[in-house]
């Protein structure tokens, strides 16, 4: 039997949202319903003093909007405990391109986090001034905006995209990951490969480790939970433990197909199983403290 002790003792948890905590057909948990046990697990961890971050590859809306939606469904999550691929892009640009002028190709899921970090934004008419271009999700993209992004990258601006996975999985079928598709279009036109800021990028791993005041060498007491191999890769990049739930992108057959180096540390049918496993130990720890 697998020793689950590291899960009981973990001080910090990173949860994927879609296909893990939420069953939904739309990114960021929008319009979906919580998987049984998800609300309870997040609450129990926080009650026990564990640090929790919800992390999604969604980027169409700002983190606060996604967090508010999940609070309305019962999740104990503060705005600053919700990380999107868009806010991760803003964090990365602020840390690695101080003073850069940024052209965004997406929606306010990019522009709001950028503005909150004091990053100067330029519009399509100022594409020649852009130092960085960031591609995120949106319901629509205009020809003018796409042209401006391509011109800026062609002139030398760094190119980032929030995600580079082809499909979105939320437990209800799959749909195209639109930011990946648009980012690929810009790359095809300009010949410049986009750097990724969402899962499972090194950029996101770096920013999450900073949140937990950890390094890849000291992150063994952190856990990353998700339904996709992206979360497994993120955990490895962080040096954290990985938990795969088979309620979204990965099935039992998909788990069996993973080569040993890519296999998760733990695999469970769903988040409710993780809750049932961890909750008694959290309750016992609380009783010992009281």
C-alpha atoms as a PDB file:
ATOM      1  CA  UNK A   1       0.000   0.000   0.000  1.00  0.00           C
ATOM      2  CA  UNK A   2       1.268   3.490  -0.848  1.00  0.00           C
ATOM      3  CA  UNK A   3       2.375   5.520   2.146  1.00  0.00           C
ATOM      4  CA  UNK A   4       0.115   8.592   2.176  1.00  0.00           C
ATOM      5  CA  UNK A   5       1.882  10.173   5.146  1.00  0.00           C
ATOM      6  CA  UNK A   6       3.372  12.979   3.018  1.00  0.00           C
ATOM      7  CA  UNK A   7      -0.160  14.133   2.166  1.00  0.00           C
ATOM      8  CA  UNK A   8      -1.238  14.243   5.792  1.00  0.00           C
ATOM      9  CA  UNK A   9       1.787  16.329   6.741  1.00  0.00           C
ATOM     10  CA  UNK A  10       1.889  18.646   3.699  1.00  0.00           C
ATOM     11  CA  UNK A  11       1.919  22.331   4.658  1.00  0.00           C
ATOM     12  CA  UNK A  12       0.907  23.693   1.276  1.00  0.00           C
ATOM     13  CA  UNK A  13      -1.513  22.586  -1.431  1.00  0.00           C
ATOM     14  CA  UNK A  14      -1.971  23.726  -5.040  1.00  0.00           C
ATOM     15  CA  UNK A  15      -5.293  22.663  -6.550  1.00  0.00           C
ATOM     16  CA  UNK A  16      -6.268  22.628 -10.187  1.00  0.00           C
ATOM     17  CA  UNK A  17      -9.834  23.858 -10.661  1.00  0.00           C
ATOM     18  CA  UNK A  18     -11.452  22.396 -13.790  1.00  0.00           C
ATOM     19  CA  UNK A  19     -11.810  18.627 -13.789  1.00  0.00           C
ATOM     20  CA  UNK A  20     -10.415  18.493 -10.254  1.00  0.00           C
ATOM     21  CA  UNK A  21     -12.422  20.718  -7.890  1.00  0.00           C
ATOM     22  CA  UNK A  22     -15.075  21.675 -10.436  1.00  0.00           C
ATOM     23  CA  UNK A  23     -16.988  19.711 -13.044  1.00  0.00           C
ATOM     24  CA  UNK A  24     -17.460  22.206 -15.850  1.00  0.00           C
ATOM     25  CA  UNK A  25     -17.343  22.756 -19.583  1.00  0.00           C
ATOM     26  CA  UNK A  26     -15.858  26.250 -19.186  1.00  0.00           C
ATOM     27  CA  UNK A  27     -12.468  27.335 -17.884  1.00  0.00           C
ATOM     28  CA  UNK A  28     -12.005  28.664 -14.364  1.00  0.00           C
ATOM     29  CA  UNK A  29     -14.978  26.730 -12.986  1.00  0.00           C
ATOM     30  CA  UNK A  30     -17.470  29.009 -14.722  1.00  0.00           C
ATOM     31  CA  UNK A  31     -20.955  27.564 -14.904  1.00  0.00           C
ATOM     32  CA  UNK A  32     -19.918  24.315 -13.252  1.00  0.00           C
ATOM     33  CA  UNK A  33     -20.584  22.420 -10.051  1.00  0.00           C
ATOM     34  CA  UNK A  34     -18.128  21.320  -7.358  1.00  0.00           C
ATOM     35  CA  UNK A  35     -17.077  17.703  -7.293  1.00  0.00           C
ATOM     36  CA  UNK A  36     -18.194  16.102  -4.003  1.00  0.00           C
ATOM     37  CA  UNK A  37     -15.573  16.647  -1.325  1.00  0.00           C
ATOM     38  CA  UNK A  38     -13.832  19.578  -2.992  1.00  0.00           C
ATOM     39  CA  UNK A  39     -15.379  22.349  -0.906  1.00  0.00           C
ATOM     40  CA  UNK A  40     -14.899  20.288   2.240  1.00  0.00           C
ATOM     41  CA  UNK A  41     -11.239  19.469   1.540  1.00  0.00           C
ATOM     42  CA  UNK A  42     -10.242  23.071   0.865  1.00  0.00           C
ATOM     43  CA  UNK A  43     -12.059  24.189   4.021  1.00  0.00           C
ATOM     44  CA  UNK A  44     -10.537  21.457   6.172  1.00  0.00           C
ATOM     45  CA  UNK A  45      -7.020  22.257   4.989  1.00  0.00           C
ATOM     46  CA  UNK A  46      -7.412  25.946   5.722  1.00  0.00           C
ATOM     47  CA  UNK A  47      -8.994  25.249   9.113  1.00  0.00           C
ATOM     48  CA  UNK A  48      -5.921  23.165   9.935  1.00  0.00           C
ATOM     49  CA  UNK A  49      -3.612  26.050   9.037  1.00  0.00           C
ATOM     50  CA  UNK A  50      -2.413  24.669   5.706  1.00  0.00           C
ATOM     51  CA  UNK A  51      -1.702  27.100   2.885  1.00  0.00           C
ATOM     52  CA  UNK A  52      -3.942  26.610  -0.145  1.00  0.00           C
ATOM     53  CA  UNK A  53      -3.717  28.029  -3.665  1.00  0.00           C
ATOM     54  CA  UNK A  54      -6.219  27.372  -6.437  1.00  0.00           C
ATOM     55  CA  UNK A  55      -4.483  27.471  -9.806  1.00  0.00           C
ATOM     56  CA  UNK A  56      -6.148  27.385 -13.208  1.00  0.00           C
ATOM     57  CA  UNK A  57      -4.927  27.723 -16.766  1.00  0.00           C
ATOM     58  CA  UNK A  58      -7.903  29.987 -17.438  1.00  0.00           C
ATOM     59  CA  UNK A  59      -6.978  33.541 -18.396  1.00  0.00           C
ATOM     60  CA  UNK A  60     -10.127  35.178 -19.756  1.00  0.00           C
ATOM     61  CA  UNK A  61     -11.102  36.743 -16.410  1.00  0.00           C
ATOM     62  CA  UNK A  62      -9.142  38.232 -13.487  1.00  0.00           C
ATOM     63  CA  UNK A  63      -8.491  35.947 -10.484  1.00  0.00           C
ATOM     64  CA  UNK A  64     -10.888  37.893  -8.234  1.00  0.00           C
ATOM     65  CA  UNK A  65     -13.805  37.151 -10.548  1.00  0.00           C
ATOM     66  CA  UNK A  66     -13.112  33.433 -10.629  1.00  0.00           C
ATOM     67  CA  UNK A  67     -12.569  33.383  -6.861  1.00  0.00           C
ATOM     68  CA  UNK A  68     -15.865  35.170  -6.233  1.00  0.00           C
ATOM     69  CA  UNK A  69     -17.692  32.592  -8.333  1.00  0.00           C
ATOM     70  CA  UNK A  70     -16.187  29.724  -6.341  1.00  0.00           C
ATOM     71  CA  UNK A  71     -16.941  31.447  -3.021  1.00  0.00           C
ATOM     72  CA  UNK A  72     -20.548  31.566  -4.150  1.00  0.00           C
ATOM     73  CA  UNK A  73     -20.405  27.784  -4.457  1.00  0.00           C
ATOM     74  CA  UNK A  74     -18.991  27.337  -0.964  1.00  0.00           C
ATOM     75  CA  UNK A  75     -15.229  27.341  -1.473  1.00  0.00           C
ATOM     76  CA  UNK A  76     -13.141  29.139   1.161  1.00  0.00           C
ATOM     77  CA  UNK A  77     -10.841  30.965  -1.250  1.00  0.00           C
ATOM     78  CA  UNK A  78      -9.638  34.557  -1.056  1.00  0.00           C
ATOM     79  CA  UNK A  79      -8.916  36.583  -4.177  1.00  0.00           C
ATOM     80  CA  UNK A  80      -5.175  36.371  -3.587  1.00  0.00           C
ATOM     81  CA  UNK A  81      -5.371  32.576  -3.195  1.00  0.00           C
ATOM     82  CA  UNK A  82      -6.545  32.179  -6.791  1.00  0.00           C
ATOM     83  CA  UNK A  83      -3.886  32.085  -9.522  1.00  0.00           C
ATOM     84  CA  UNK A  84      -4.678  32.109 -13.234  1.00  0.00           C
ATOM     85  CA  UNK A  85      -2.389  31.656 -16.207  1.00  0.00           C
ATOM     86  CA  UNK A  86      -3.074  35.356 -16.838  1.00  0.00           C
ATOM     87  CA  UNK A  87      -2.019  36.501 -13.359  1.00  0.00           C
ATOM     88  CA  UNK A  88       1.009  34.194 -13.626  1.00  0.00           C
ATOM     89  CA  UNK A  89       1.945  36.043 -16.822  1.00  0.00           C
ATOM     90  CA  UNK A  90       1.677  39.362 -14.999  1.00  0.00           C
ATOM     91  CA  UNK A  91       3.801  38.046 -12.127  1.00  0.00           C
ATOM     92  CA  UNK A  92       6.445  36.768 -14.530  1.00  0.00           C
ATOM     93  CA  UNK A  93       6.613  39.982 -16.544  1.00  0.00           C
ATOM     94  CA  UNK A  94       6.859  42.062 -13.372  1.00  0.00           C
ATOM     95  CA  UNK A  95       9.682  39.878 -12.047  1.00  0.00           C
ATOM     96  CA  UNK A  96      11.674  39.370 -15.258  1.00  0.00           C
ATOM     97  CA  UNK A  97      10.843  42.380 -17.445  1.00  0.00           C
ATOM     98  CA  UNK A  98      10.725  45.348 -15.049  1.00  0.00           C
ATOM     99  CA  UNK A  99       9.714  48.515 -16.838  1.00  0.00           C
ATOM    100  CA  UNK A 100       8.580  46.634 -19.945  1.00  0.00           C
ATOM    101  CA  UNK A 101       5.764  47.905 -22.133  1.00  0.00           C
ATOM    102  CA  UNK A 102       3.298  45.085 -22.729  1.00  0.00           C
ATOM    103  CA  UNK A 103       0.840  44.456 -25.550  1.00  0.00           C
ATOM    104  CA  UNK A 104      -1.824  41.932 -24.575  1.00  0.00           C
ATOM    105  CA  UNK A 105      -3.826  39.817 -26.992  1.00  0.00           C
ATOM    106  CA  UNK A 106      -6.752  38.644 -24.873  1.00  0.00           C
ATOM    107  CA  UNK A 107      -9.265  39.985 -22.377  1.00  0.00           C
ATOM    108  CA  UNK A 108      -9.242  41.620 -18.927  1.00  0.00           C
ATOM    109  CA  UNK A 109      -7.934  38.396 -17.455  1.00  0.00           C
ATOM    110  CA  UNK A 110      -4.610  39.749 -18.701  1.00  0.00           C
ATOM    111  CA  UNK A 111      -5.012  43.512 -18.506  1.00  0.00           C
ATOM    112  CA  UNK A 112      -6.343  43.675 -14.938  1.00  0.00           C
ATOM    113  CA  UNK A 113      -3.467  41.670 -13.332  1.00  0.00           C
ATOM    114  CA  UNK A 114      -0.955  43.628 -15.424  1.00  0.00           C
ATOM    115  CA  UNK A 115      -2.392  46.964 -14.309  1.00  0.00           C
ATOM    116  CA  UNK A 116      -2.501  45.833 -10.682  1.00  0.00           C
ATOM    117  CA  UNK A 117       1.248  45.215 -10.853  1.00  0.00           C
ATOM    118  CA  UNK A 118       1.929  48.623 -12.363  1.00  0.00           C
ATOM    119  CA  UNK A 119       2.896  47.259 -15.772  1.00  0.00           C
ATOM    120  CA  UNK A 120       2.619  49.728 -18.659  1.00  0.00           C
ATOM    121  CA  UNK A 121       0.162  48.505 -21.292  1.00  0.00           C
ATOM    122  CA  UNK A 122       0.242  49.606 -24.922  1.00  0.00           C
ATOM    123  CA  UNK A 123      -2.508  49.176 -27.485  1.00  0.00           C
ATOM    124  CA  UNK A 124      -2.335  48.041 -31.077  1.00  0.00           C
ATOM    125  CA  UNK A 125      -1.629  51.537 -32.371  1.00  0.00           C
ATOM    126  CA  UNK A 126       1.584  51.516 -30.306  1.00  0.00           C
ATOM    127  CA  UNK A 127       2.700  48.005 -31.247  1.00  0.00           C
ATOM    128  CA  UNK A 128       6.143  49.265 -32.241  1.00  0.00           C
ATOM    129  CA  UNK A 129       6.727  50.359 -28.607  1.00  0.00           C
ATOM    130  CA  UNK A 130       5.933  46.955 -27.096  1.00  0.00           C
ATOM    131  CA  UNK A 131       8.721  45.070 -25.360  1.00  0.00           C
ATOM    132  CA  UNK A 132       6.553  42.061 -24.526  1.00  0.00           C
ATOM    133  CA  UNK A 133       3.465  40.468 -26.100  1.00  0.00           C
ATOM    134  CA  UNK A 134       1.266  38.193 -23.998  1.00  0.00           C
ATOM    135  CA  UNK A 135      -1.471  36.030 -25.530  1.00  0.00           C
ATOM    136  CA  UNK A 136      -4.379  34.893 -23.350  1.00  0.00           C
ATOM    137  CA  UNK A 137      -7.946  33.694 -23.720  1.00  0.00           C
ATOM    138  CA  UNK A 138     -10.814  35.802 -25.018  1.00  0.00           C
ATOM    139  CA  UNK A 139     -14.199  35.297 -26.604  1.00  0.00           C
ATOM    140  CA  UNK A 140     -13.053  37.099 -29.734  1.00  0.00           C
ATOM    141  CA  UNK A 141      -9.915  38.535 -31.341  1.00  0.00           C
ATOM    142  CA  UNK A 142      -9.937  41.211 -34.014  1.00  0.00           C
ATOM    143  CA  UNK A 143      -7.806  41.116 -37.113  1.00  0.00           C
ATOM    144  CA  UNK A 144      -6.296  44.450 -36.049  1.00  0.00           C
ATOM    145  CA  UNK A 145      -5.270  43.078 -32.636  1.00  0.00           C
ATOM    146  CA  UNK A 146      -3.751  39.935 -34.132  1.00  0.00           C
ATOM    147  CA  UNK A 147      -1.868  42.019 -36.677  1.00  0.00           C
ATOM    148  CA  UNK A 148      -0.533  44.334 -33.966  1.00  0.00           C
ATOM    149  CA  UNK A 149       0.716  41.401 -31.884  1.00  0.00           C
ATOM    150  CA  UNK A 150       2.471  39.852 -34.870  1.00  0.00           C
ATOM    151  CA  UNK A 151       4.071  43.174 -35.836  1.00  0.00           C
ATOM    152  CA  UNK A 152       5.329  43.701 -32.279  1.00  0.00           C
ATOM    153  CA  UNK A 153       6.879  40.227 -32.089  1.00  0.00           C
ATOM    154  CA  UNK A 154       8.321  40.572 -35.575  1.00  0.00           C
ATOM    155  CA  UNK A 155       9.978  43.797 -34.388  1.00  0.00           C
ATOM    156  CA  UNK A 156      11.623  42.006 -31.466  1.00  0.00           C
ATOM    157  CA  UNK A 157       9.117  41.889 -28.598  1.00  0.00           C
ATOM    158  CA  UNK A 158       9.260  38.819 -26.331  1.00  0.00           C
ATOM    159  CA  UNK A 159       6.307  36.484 -26.913  1.00  0.00           C
ATOM    160  CA  UNK A 160       4.419  34.743 -24.109  1.00  0.00           C
ATOM    161  CA  UNK A 161       1.289  32.613 -24.162  1.00  0.00           C
ATOM    162  CA  UNK A 162      -0.718  31.616 -21.121  1.00  0.00           C
ATOM    163  CA  UNK A 163      -1.012  27.942 -22.113  1.00  0.00           C
ATOM    164  CA  UNK A 164       0.246  25.587 -24.816  1.00  0.00           C
ATOM    165  CA  UNK A 165      -2.051  22.606 -24.382  1.00  0.00           C
ATOM    166  CA  UNK A 166      -4.403  21.988 -27.313  1.00  0.00           C
ATOM    167  CA  UNK A 167      -7.516  21.050 -25.341  1.00  0.00           C
ATOM    168  CA  UNK A 168      -9.384  22.238 -22.268  1.00  0.00           C
ATOM    169  CA  UNK A 169     -10.843  19.510 -20.039  1.00  0.00           C
ATOM    170  CA  UNK A 170     -13.217  20.267 -17.175  1.00  0.00           C
ATOM    171  CA  UNK A 171     -14.894  16.928 -16.618  1.00  0.00           C
ATOM    172  CA  UNK A 172     -17.564  17.637 -19.267  1.00  0.00           C
ATOM    173  CA  UNK A 173     -16.094  16.786 -22.647  1.00  0.00           C
ATOM    174  CA  UNK A 174     -13.309  18.921 -24.084  1.00  0.00           C
ATOM    175  CA  UNK A 175     -12.926  22.131 -26.055  1.00  0.00           C
ATOM    176  CA  UNK A 176     -10.090  23.929 -27.795  1.00  0.00           C
ATOM    177  CA  UNK A 177      -7.690  25.908 -25.611  1.00  0.00           C
ATOM    178  CA  UNK A 178      -8.150  29.139 -27.522  1.00  0.00           C
ATOM    179  CA  UNK A 179      -5.099  30.970 -26.176  1.00  0.00           C
ATOM    180  CA  UNK A 180      -2.937  28.064 -27.375  1.00  0.00           C
ATOM    181  CA  UNK A 181      -4.456  28.306 -30.837  1.00  0.00           C
ATOM    182  CA  UNK A 182      -3.989  32.077 -31.087  1.00  0.00           C
ATOM    183  CA  UNK A 183      -0.480  31.878 -29.644  1.00  0.00           C
ATOM    184  CA  UNK A 184       0.383  29.237 -32.234  1.00  0.00           C
ATOM    185  CA  UNK A 185      -0.908  31.548 -34.962  1.00  0.00           C
ATOM    186  CA  UNK A 186       1.382  34.372 -33.820  1.00  0.00           C
ATOM    187  CA  UNK A 187       4.305  31.924 -33.637  1.00  0.00           C
ATOM    188  CA  UNK A 188       3.579  30.607 -37.117  1.00  0.00           C
ATOM    189  CA  UNK A 189       3.462  34.101 -38.612  1.00  0.00           C
ATOM    190  CA  UNK A 190       6.561  35.427 -36.842  1.00  0.00           C
ATOM    191  CA  UNK A 191       8.657  32.282 -36.508  1.00  0.00           C
ATOM    192  CA  UNK A 192       9.067  33.034 -32.779  1.00  0.00           C
ATOM    193  CA  UNK A 193       8.267  30.310 -30.263  1.00  0.00           C
ATOM    194  CA  UNK A 194       6.108  31.522 -27.391  1.00  0.00           C
ATOM    195  CA  UNK A 195       7.189  31.049 -23.806  1.00  0.00           C
ATOM    196  CA  UNK A 196       4.476  29.657 -21.512  1.00  0.00           C
ATOM    197  CA  UNK A 197       3.378  31.240 -18.224  1.00  0.00           C
ATOM    198  CA  UNK A 198       0.649  28.806 -17.123  1.00  0.00           C
ATOM    199  CA  UNK A 199       0.808  25.138 -16.175  1.00  0.00           C
ATOM    200  CA  UNK A 200       3.199  23.375 -16.365  1.00  0.00           C
ATOM    201  CA  UNK A 201       5.782  26.062 -17.066  1.00  0.00           C
ATOM    202  CA  UNK A 202       8.927  26.797 -15.100  1.00  0.00           C
ATOM    203  CA  UNK A 203       7.686  30.401 -14.914  1.00  0.00           C
ATOM    204  CA  UNK A 204       4.605  29.340 -12.935  1.00  0.00           C
ATOM    205  CA  UNK A 205       6.596  26.917 -10.790  1.00  0.00           C
ATOM    206  CA  UNK A 206       8.935  29.758  -9.823  1.00  0.00           C
ATOM    207  CA  UNK A 207       6.089  32.073  -8.818  1.00  0.00           C
ATOM    208  CA  UNK A 208       4.229  29.373  -6.849  1.00  0.00           C
ATOM    209  CA  UNK A 209       7.374  28.434  -4.947  1.00  0.00           C
ATOM    210  CA  UNK A 210       7.796  32.099  -4.037  1.00  0.00           C
ATOM    211  CA  UNK A 211       4.234  32.123  -2.640  1.00  0.00           C
ATOM    212  CA  UNK A 212       5.096  29.224  -0.367  1.00  0.00           C
ATOM    213  CA  UNK A 213       8.512  30.680   0.528  1.00  0.00           C
ATOM    214  CA  UNK A 214      10.096  27.513  -0.823  1.00  0.00           C
ATOM    215  CA  UNK A 215      12.601  26.333  -3.403  1.00  0.00           C
ATOM    216  CA  UNK A 216      12.645  23.190  -5.517  1.00  0.00           C
ATOM    217  CA  UNK A 217      14.994  21.728  -2.900  1.00  0.00           C
ATOM    218  CA  UNK A 218      12.641  22.462   0.026  1.00  0.00           C
ATOM    219  CA  UNK A 219       9.244  21.789  -1.565  1.00  0.00           C
ATOM    220  CA  UNK A 220       8.725  18.138  -0.582  1.00  0.00           C
ATOM    221  CA  UNK A 221       6.056  19.270   1.898  1.00  0.00           C
ATOM    222  CA  UNK A 222       4.000  20.851  -0.896  1.00  0.00           C
ATOM    223  CA  UNK A 223       1.358  19.006  -2.935  1.00  0.00           C
ATOM    224  CA  UNK A 224      -0.005  19.736  -6.420  1.00  0.00           C
ATOM    225  CA  UNK A 225      -3.397  18.166  -7.215  1.00  0.00           C
ATOM    226  CA  UNK A 226      -4.954  17.991 -10.678  1.00  0.00           C
ATOM    227  CA  UNK A 227      -6.529  15.871 -13.391  1.00  0.00           C
ATOM    228  CA  UNK A 228      -4.016  16.518 -16.174  1.00  0.00           C
ATOM    229  CA  UNK A 229      -0.402  15.641 -16.841  1.00  0.00           C
ATOM    230  CA  UNK A 230       0.231  19.405 -16.732  1.00  0.00           C
ATOM    231  CA  UNK A 231      -0.203  19.294 -12.949  1.00  0.00           C
ATOM    232  CA  UNK A 232       2.201  16.352 -12.714  1.00  0.00           C
ATOM    233  CA  UNK A 233       4.809  18.282 -14.688  1.00  0.00           C
ATOM    234  CA  UNK A 234       4.214  21.376 -12.555  1.00  0.00           C
ATOM    235  CA  UNK A 235       4.765  19.344  -9.387  1.00  0.00           C
ATOM    236  CA  UNK A 236       8.046  18.010 -10.753  1.00  0.00           C
ATOM    237  CA  UNK A 237       9.168  21.513 -11.727  1.00  0.00           C
ATOM    238  CA  UNK A 238       8.392  22.681  -8.181  1.00  0.00           C
ATOM    239  CA  UNK A 239       9.917  19.661  -6.441  1.00  0.00           C
ATOM    240  CA  UNK A 240       6.494  19.010  -4.882  1.00  0.00           C
ATOM    241  CA  UNK A 241       4.420  15.836  -4.450  1.00  0.00           C
ATOM    242  CA  UNK A 242       1.904  15.126  -7.211  1.00  0.00           C
ATOM    243  CA  UNK A 243      -1.676  13.877  -6.883  1.00  0.00           C
ATOM    244  CA  UNK A 244      -3.632  12.881  -9.981  1.00  0.00           C
ATOM    245  CA  UNK A 245      -7.428  12.649  -9.835  1.00  0.00           C
ATOM    246  CA  UNK A 246      -9.142  10.673 -12.587  1.00  0.00           C
ATOM    247  CA  UNK A 247     -12.183  12.913 -12.898  1.00  0.00           C
ATOM    248  CA  UNK A 248     -11.235  15.060 -15.874  1.00  0.00           C
ATOM    249  CA  UNK A 249      -8.554  14.894 -18.545  1.00  0.00           C
ATOM    250  CA  UNK A 250      -6.936  11.641 -17.378  1.00  0.00           C
ATOM    251  CA  UNK A 251      -8.765   8.321 -17.191  1.00  0.00           C
ATOM    252  CA  UNK A 252      -7.756   5.013 -15.621  1.00  0.00           C
ATOM    253  CA  UNK A 253      -6.492   3.926 -19.034  1.00  0.00           C
ATOM    254  CA  UNK A 254      -4.575   7.172 -19.397  1.00  0.00           C
ATOM    255  CA  UNK A 255      -2.948   6.622 -16.009  1.00  0.00           C
ATOM    256  CA  UNK A 256      -1.826   3.144 -17.037  1.00  0.00           C
ATOM    257  CA  UNK A 257      -0.265   4.589 -20.207  1.00  0.00           C
ATOM    258  CA  UNK A 258       1.959   7.047 -18.324  1.00  0.00           C
ATOM    259  CA  UNK A 259       5.618   5.985 -18.317  1.00  0.00           C
ATOM    260  CA  UNK A 260       7.161   5.599 -14.836  1.00  0.00           C
ATOM    261  CA  UNK A 261       9.061   8.912 -14.930  1.00  0.00           C
ATOM    262  CA  UNK A 262       5.775  10.725 -15.655  1.00  0.00           C
ATOM    263  CA  UNK A 263       3.604   8.840 -13.168  1.00  0.00           C
ATOM    264  CA  UNK A 264       2.072  10.708 -10.202  1.00  0.00           C
ATOM    265  CA  UNK A 265       3.139  10.118  -6.628  1.00  0.00           C
ATOM    266  CA  UNK A 266      -0.507   9.393  -5.806  1.00  0.00           C
ATOM    267  CA  UNK A 267      -3.586   8.708  -7.943  1.00  0.00           C
ATOM    268  CA  UNK A 268      -7.212   8.687  -6.791  1.00  0.00           C
ATOM    269  CA  UNK A 269     -10.602   8.438  -8.527  1.00  0.00           C
ATOM    270  CA  UNK A 270     -11.642  11.966  -7.547  1.00  0.00           C
ATOM    271  CA  UNK A 271     -11.158  14.809  -5.070  1.00  0.00           C
ATOM    272  CA  UNK A 272     -13.715  13.276  -2.706  1.00  0.00           C
ATOM    273  CA  UNK A 273     -11.365  10.330  -2.205  1.00  0.00           C
ATOM    274  CA  UNK A 274      -8.555  12.723  -1.302  1.00  0.00           C
ATOM    275  CA  UNK A 275     -10.863  14.447   1.191  1.00  0.00           C
ATOM    276  CA  UNK A 276     -11.844  11.142   2.806  1.00  0.00           C
ATOM    277  CA  UNK A 277      -8.181  10.189   3.110  1.00  0.00           C
ATOM    278  CA  UNK A 278      -6.824  13.453   4.493  1.00  0.00           C
ATOM    279  CA  UNK A 279      -9.699  14.820   6.590  1.00  0.00           C
ATOM    280  CA  UNK A 280      -9.312  12.467   9.609  1.00  0.00           C
ATOM    281  CA  UNK A 281      -5.665  13.419   9.982  1.00  0.00           C
ATOM    282  CA  UNK A 282      -6.462  17.125   9.760  1.00  0.00           C
ATOM    283  CA  UNK A 283      -9.175  16.688  12.399  1.00  0.00           C
ATOM    284  CA  UNK A 284      -6.766  14.797  14.656  1.00  0.00           C
ATOM    285  CA  UNK A 285      -4.130  17.502  14.218  1.00  0.00           C
ATOM    286  CA  UNK A 286      -6.682  20.178  15.146  1.00  0.00           C
ATOM    287  CA  UNK A 287      -7.678  18.222  18.254  1.00  0.00           C
ATOM    288  CA  UNK A 288      -4.074  17.929  19.326  1.00  0.00           C
ATOM    289  CA  UNK A 289      -3.618  21.704  18.998  1.00  0.00           C
ATOM    290  CA  UNK A 290      -6.726  22.578  21.013  1.00  0.00           C
END
